[in-house]
Protein backbone atom coordinates (compact mmCIF):
# COMPACT_ATOMS: atom_id res chain seq x y z
CA MET A 1 19.12 -1.31 -7.22
CA LYS A 2 18.51 2.18 -8.56
CA LEU A 3 15.12 3.85 -8.25
CA LYS A 4 14.40 3.61 -11.98
CA GLU A 5 15.11 -0.14 -11.88
CA LEU A 6 12.80 -0.51 -8.91
CA GLU A 7 10.06 1.49 -10.65
CA ASN A 8 10.42 -0.67 -13.76
CA THR A 9 10.27 -3.87 -11.71
CA ILE A 10 7.13 -2.74 -9.89
CA ALA A 11 5.51 -1.62 -13.14
CA HIS A 12 5.90 -5.15 -14.50
CA LEU A 13 4.52 -6.99 -11.49
CA PRO A 14 1.18 -8.77 -11.79
CA PRO A 15 -1.69 -6.97 -10.00
CA GLU A 16 -1.69 -9.32 -7.01
CA GLU A 17 2.01 -8.70 -6.43
CA VAL A 18 1.50 -4.93 -6.72
CA ALA A 19 -1.21 -5.23 -4.05
CA ARG A 20 1.16 -7.17 -1.77
CA PHE A 21 3.91 -4.61 -2.38
CA ARG A 22 1.48 -1.75 -1.62
CA GLU A 23 0.51 -3.35 1.71
CA TRP A 24 4.17 -3.89 2.61
CA PHE A 25 5.15 -0.36 1.62
CA LEU A 26 2.32 1.29 3.55
CA GLU A 27 3.38 -0.59 6.69
CA PHE A 28 7.05 0.21 6.07
CA ASP A 29 6.29 3.90 5.50
CA ALA A 30 4.15 4.12 8.65
CA GLU A 31 6.92 2.53 10.72
CA GLN A 32 9.46 4.99 9.31
CA PHE A 33 7.15 7.91 10.10
CA ASP A 34 6.56 6.66 13.65
CA ARG A 35 10.32 6.24 14.15
CA ARG A 36 11.00 9.82 12.96
CA ILE A 37 8.32 11.22 15.28
CA GLN A 38 9.69 9.22 18.21
CA ASP A 39 13.25 10.37 17.44
CA ASP A 40 12.05 13.98 17.29
CA ALA A 41 10.20 13.59 20.59
CA ASP A 42 13.17 11.88 22.26
CA SER A 43 15.58 14.58 21.09
CA GLY A 44 13.36 17.44 22.30
CA ARG A 45 12.70 18.83 18.81
CA LEU A 46 8.96 18.82 19.53
CA ASP A 47 9.18 20.47 22.95
CA ALA A 48 8.69 24.03 21.66
CA LEU A 49 5.62 22.96 19.68
CA ALA A 50 4.14 21.22 22.70
CA GLU A 51 4.81 24.21 24.94
CA SER A 52 3.20 26.54 22.40
CA ALA A 53 0.12 24.33 22.11
CA LEU A 54 -0.23 24.10 25.88
CA ALA A 55 0.10 27.88 26.21
CA GLU A 56 -2.59 28.41 23.55
CA HIS A 57 -4.87 26.02 25.40
CA ALA A 58 -4.19 27.64 28.77
CA ALA A 59 -5.00 31.03 27.23
CA GLY A 60 -8.36 29.70 26.08
CA ARG A 61 -7.55 29.89 22.37
CA THR A 62 -8.51 26.30 21.62
CA LYS A 63 -11.83 24.61 21.07
CA PRO A 64 -12.96 21.05 21.67
CA LEU A 65 -12.94 18.62 18.78
């Protein structure tokens, strides 16, 4: 199914089905985001950011939330 077909299908759903789709999509999107973050962490792509943040904290350039 092409994106335009999907958009058209969603646009013609009754409100209760749009609500169910929204709930499903939000969960799906959150899972995808979590998976990408985990993949980045596992591969070491976040290591430099973590090291930089820890160095900033150690240097006293952070403040409590």
